[in-house]
Amino acid sequence: MTKHESLRSNILKEAAALFSQLGYERTSMREISERVGVSKPAIYYHFPNKQELFEESILMSFEKSQKEIADITNSDSDPIEKLKTLALGVMQRTKQNPNGARFIHDLMAGNIRKNIKLDHQKVFSKQMKFFNQILNTGKEQGLIKKELDNFTFIMIFIGTLNMYTIGYLKGGLSDINSDNVEHIIDILFNGIKK
């Protein structure tokens, strides 16, 4: 990575942290430049305005998340372990960066009303592709019943994770951890019938 690319990457990283902590409106280019340790003109050299920097920082966050999902999907673990790893990753990231998690939840829920050039459908379809790959592998290996409707399962899985993380962020849950993941997976795969 060149010095130019490294500085651009650092600007994006620090801007994302400030946007998630303070929100779009309360984050200034001055604060970003101070946090990065460069002048405001150096920021404007890489990003013509705050809106573009904001959009790029969001895309960077989603790309990082997509890479993590791809790495888990392509790992040698069995499909059930992959789902556990994905769920645990969501919970760990929420605990490590609660402001970032709140920001992403608000963005996906439409609570951030900026004119963002983010293709939600494209982001969602990439995630669906990885989840379908995991579930279809599980079906082929005989770990998951073949008649499972992938879409419904994925919605239940993601919805459950969202409720856990929102509960944690709002203070209703004191912790989210591997025990929660084990319970989620157990109920999703074994049901509630006696």
Protein backbone atom coordinates (compact mmCIF):
# COMPACT_ATOMS: atom_id res chain seq x y z
CA MET A 1 0.00 0.00 0.00
CA THR A 2 1.39 3.38 -1.01
CA LYS A 3 1.59 6.31 1.41
CA HIS A 4 -1.29 7.93 -0.49
CA GLU A 5 -3.47 4.80 -0.16
CA SER A 6 -2.52 4.38 3.49
CA LEU A 7 -3.55 7.95 4.33
CA ARG A 8 -6.85 7.56 2.44
CA SER A 9 -7.56 4.32 4.30
CA ASN A 10 -6.75 5.97 7.65
CA ILE A 11 -9.05 8.90 6.86
CA LEU A 12 -11.88 6.48 6.07
CA LYS A 13 -11.26 4.48 9.25
CA GLU A 14 -11.21 7.51 11.53
CA ALA A 15 -14.16 9.15 9.77
CA ALA A 16 -16.21 5.96 10.18
CA ALA A 17 -15.40 5.92 13.89
CA LEU A 18 -16.48 9.57 14.31
CA PHE A 19 -19.63 9.17 12.20
CA SER A 20 -20.67 6.15 14.27
CA GLN A 21 -19.89 7.93 17.53
CA LEU A 22 -21.27 11.40 16.80
CA GLY A 23 -23.55 10.92 13.81
CA TYR A 24 -23.28 12.61 10.43
CA GLU A 25 -24.47 16.08 11.39
CA ARG A 26 -22.26 16.46 14.46
CA THR A 27 -19.07 15.20 12.78
CA SER A 28 -17.01 17.95 11.19
CA MET A 29 -14.19 17.73 8.68
CA ARG A 30 -12.05 19.59 11.24
CA GLU A 31 -12.59 16.81 13.80
CA ILE A 32 -11.71 14.19 11.22
CA SER A 33 -8.53 16.03 10.22
CA GLU A 34 -7.51 16.42 13.88
CA ARG A 35 -8.15 12.73 14.58
CA VAL A 36 -6.12 11.66 11.53
CA GLY A 37 -3.40 14.23 12.25
CA VAL A 38 -3.50 15.97 8.88
CA SER A 39 -4.79 19.30 7.59
CA LYS A 40 -8.33 19.80 6.31
CA PRO A 41 -6.98 20.40 2.77
CA ALA A 42 -5.35 16.95 2.96
CA ILE A 43 -8.77 15.47 3.71
CA TYR A 44 -10.35 17.43 0.85
CA TYR A 45 -7.60 16.20 -1.49
CA HIS A 46 -8.94 12.65 -1.02
CA PHE A 47 -12.64 13.45 -0.54
CA PRO A 48 -14.29 16.53 -2.09
CA ASN A 49 -16.90 16.82 0.67
CA LYS A 50 -18.23 15.27 3.86
CA GLN A 51 -21.09 13.49 2.06
CA GLU A 52 -18.69 11.57 -0.17
CA LEU A 53 -16.44 10.72 2.78
CA PHE A 54 -19.52 9.50 4.66
CA GLU A 55 -20.65 7.29 1.78
CA GLU A 56 -17.17 5.85 1.28
CA SER A 57 -16.86 5.05 5.00
CA ILE A 58 -20.18 3.20 4.90
CA LEU A 59 -19.13 1.23 1.82
CA MET A 60 -15.83 0.38 3.52
CA SER A 61 -17.70 -0.98 6.56
CA PHE A 62 -19.96 -3.13 4.39
CA GLU A 63 -17.04 -4.40 2.30
CA LYS A 64 -15.18 -5.40 5.45
CA SER A 65 -18.27 -7.21 6.71
CA GLN A 66 -18.75 -8.95 3.35
CA LYS A 67 -15.13 -10.14 3.40
CA GLU A 68 -15.57 -11.61 6.88
CA ILE A 69 -18.74 -13.42 5.75
CA ALA A 70 -16.96 -14.71 2.63
CA ASP A 71 -14.00 -15.97 4.68
CA ILE A 72 -16.32 -17.85 7.05
CA THR A 73 -18.38 -19.25 4.16
CA ASN A 74 -15.23 -20.51 2.42
CA SER A 75 -13.66 -22.00 5.56
CA ASP A 76 -13.40 -25.75 6.21
CA SER A 77 -15.89 -25.70 9.10
CA ASP A 78 -19.16 -27.56 8.79
CA PRO A 79 -22.23 -25.42 7.92
CA ILE A 80 -23.62 -25.36 11.48
CA GLU A 81 -20.27 -24.13 12.84
CA LYS A 82 -20.17 -21.49 10.11
CA LEU A 83 -23.56 -20.16 11.22
CA LYS A 84 -22.36 -20.11 14.84
CA THR A 85 -19.19 -18.25 13.81
CA LEU A 86 -21.23 -15.70 11.84
CA ALA A 87 -23.58 -15.12 14.78
CA LEU A 88 -20.76 -14.86 17.30
CA GLY A 89 -18.95 -12.40 15.01
CA VAL A 90 -22.00 -10.13 14.95
CA MET A 91 -22.22 -10.20 18.74
CA GLN A 92 -18.50 -9.60 19.24
CA ARG A 93 -18.44 -6.66 16.81
CA THR A 94 -21.47 -5.18 18.59
CA LYS A 95 -19.70 -5.40 21.95
CA GLN A 96 -16.38 -4.07 20.58
CA ASN A 97 -17.95 -1.14 18.74
CA PRO A 98 -21.44 -0.38 20.07
CA ASN A 99 -21.51 3.04 18.40
CA GLY A 100 -20.72 1.45 15.04
CA ALA A 101 -23.40 -1.21 15.57
CA ARG A 102 -25.99 1.47 16.46
CA PHE A 103 -24.99 3.43 13.38
CA ILE A 104 -25.40 0.40 11.07
CA HIS A 105 -28.76 -0.51 12.66
CA ASP A 106 -29.96 3.08 12.18
CA LEU A 107 -28.70 3.14 8.61
CA MET A 108 -30.39 -0.15 7.68
CA ALA A 109 -33.61 0.89 9.44
CA GLY A 110 -33.71 4.13 7.45
CA ASN A 111 -33.22 6.32 10.52
CA ILE A 112 -30.31 8.13 8.86
CA ARG A 113 -31.96 10.30 6.27
CA LYS A 114 -28.94 11.48 4.33
CA ASN A 115 -29.01 10.99 0.58
CA ILE A 116 -26.71 7.96 0.68
CA LYS A 117 -25.72 6.18 -2.50
CA LEU A 118 -25.91 2.75 -0.88
CA ASP A 119 -27.53 -0.05 -2.82
CA HIS A 120 -29.23 -1.92 0.04
CA GLN A 121 -30.46 -4.60 -2.38
CA LYS A 122 -26.92 -5.27 -3.59
CA VAL A 123 -25.58 -5.56 -0.03
CA PHE A 124 -28.46 -7.84 0.95
CA SER A 125 -28.13 -10.06 -2.14
CA LYS A 126 -24.42 -10.61 -1.44
CA GLN A 127 -25.20 -11.71 2.10
CA MET A 128 -27.99 -13.98 0.83
CA LYS A 129 -25.55 -15.60 -1.59
CA PHE A 130 -23.21 -16.56 1.25
CA PHE A 131 -26.01 -17.80 3.51
CA ASN A 132 -27.49 -19.86 0.66
CA GLN A 133 -24.08 -21.39 0.00
CA ILE A 134 -23.75 -22.43 3.66
CA LEU A 135 -27.29 -23.85 3.83
CA ASN A 136 -27.03 -25.68 0.50
CA THR A 137 -23.75 -27.27 1.59
CA GLY A 138 -25.49 -28.37 4.79
CA LYS A 139 -28.28 -29.92 2.74
CA GLU A 140 -25.79 -31.75 0.53
CA GLN A 141 -23.99 -33.10 3.61
CA GLY A 142 -27.26 -34.25 5.17
CA LEU A 143 -26.91 -31.83 8.13
CA ILE A 144 -29.88 -29.70 7.11
CA LYS A 145 -33.20 -30.99 5.79
CA LYS A 146 -33.52 -30.53 2.05
CA GLU A 147 -37.01 -28.98 2.23
CA LEU A 148 -35.82 -26.07 4.41
CA ASP A 149 -36.82 -22.76 2.82
CA ASN A 150 -33.48 -20.92 2.81
CA PHE A 151 -35.01 -17.44 2.58
CA THR A 152 -37.27 -17.95 5.60
CA PHE A 153 -34.46 -19.44 7.65
CA ILE A 154 -32.11 -16.57 6.77
CA MET A 155 -34.74 -13.97 7.74
CA ILE A 156 -35.33 -15.71 11.08
CA PHE A 157 -31.57 -16.03 11.69
CA ILE A 158 -30.74 -12.40 10.85
CA GLY A 159 -33.86 -11.11 12.63
CA THR A 160 -32.95 -13.02 15.79
CA LEU A 161 -29.39 -11.66 15.74
CA ASN A 162 -30.72 -8.14 15.20
CA MET A 163 -33.07 -8.46 18.19
CA TYR A 164 -30.24 -9.70 20.41
CA THR A 165 -27.88 -6.91 19.36
CA ILE A 166 -30.57 -4.21 19.64
CA GLY A 167 -31.50 -5.56 23.08
CA TYR A 168 -27.86 -5.30 24.10
CA LEU A 169 -27.42 -1.81 22.62
CA LYS A 170 -30.58 -0.52 24.32
CA GLY A 171 -29.54 -1.97 27.69
CA GLY A 172 -32.17 -4.69 27.89
CA LEU A 173 -29.58 -7.47 27.70
CA SER A 174 -26.56 -7.25 29.96
CA ASP A 175 -24.44 -9.40 27.65
CA ILE A 176 -24.42 -11.20 24.32
CA ASN A 177 -22.07 -14.13 23.93
CA SER A 178 -21.46 -17.69 22.74
CA ASP A 179 -24.15 -19.04 25.09
CA ASN A 180 -26.73 -16.94 23.25
CA VAL A 181 -25.43 -18.26 19.93
CA GLU A 182 -25.68 -21.86 21.15
CA HIS A 183 -29.31 -21.27 22.22
CA ILE A 184 -30.18 -19.60 18.91
CA ILE A 185 -28.67 -22.43 16.85
CA ASP A 186 -30.23 -25.10 19.06
CA ILE A 187 -33.72 -23.64 18.72
CA LEU A 188 -33.37 -22.94 15.00
CA PHE A 189 -32.18 -26.46 14.23
CA ASN A 190 -33.94 -28.53 16.87
CA GLY A 191 -37.13 -26.52 17.32
CA ILE A 192 -39.21 -26.11 20.45
CA LYS A 193 -41.28 -29.31 20.29
CA LYS A 194 -40.74 -31.83 23.03
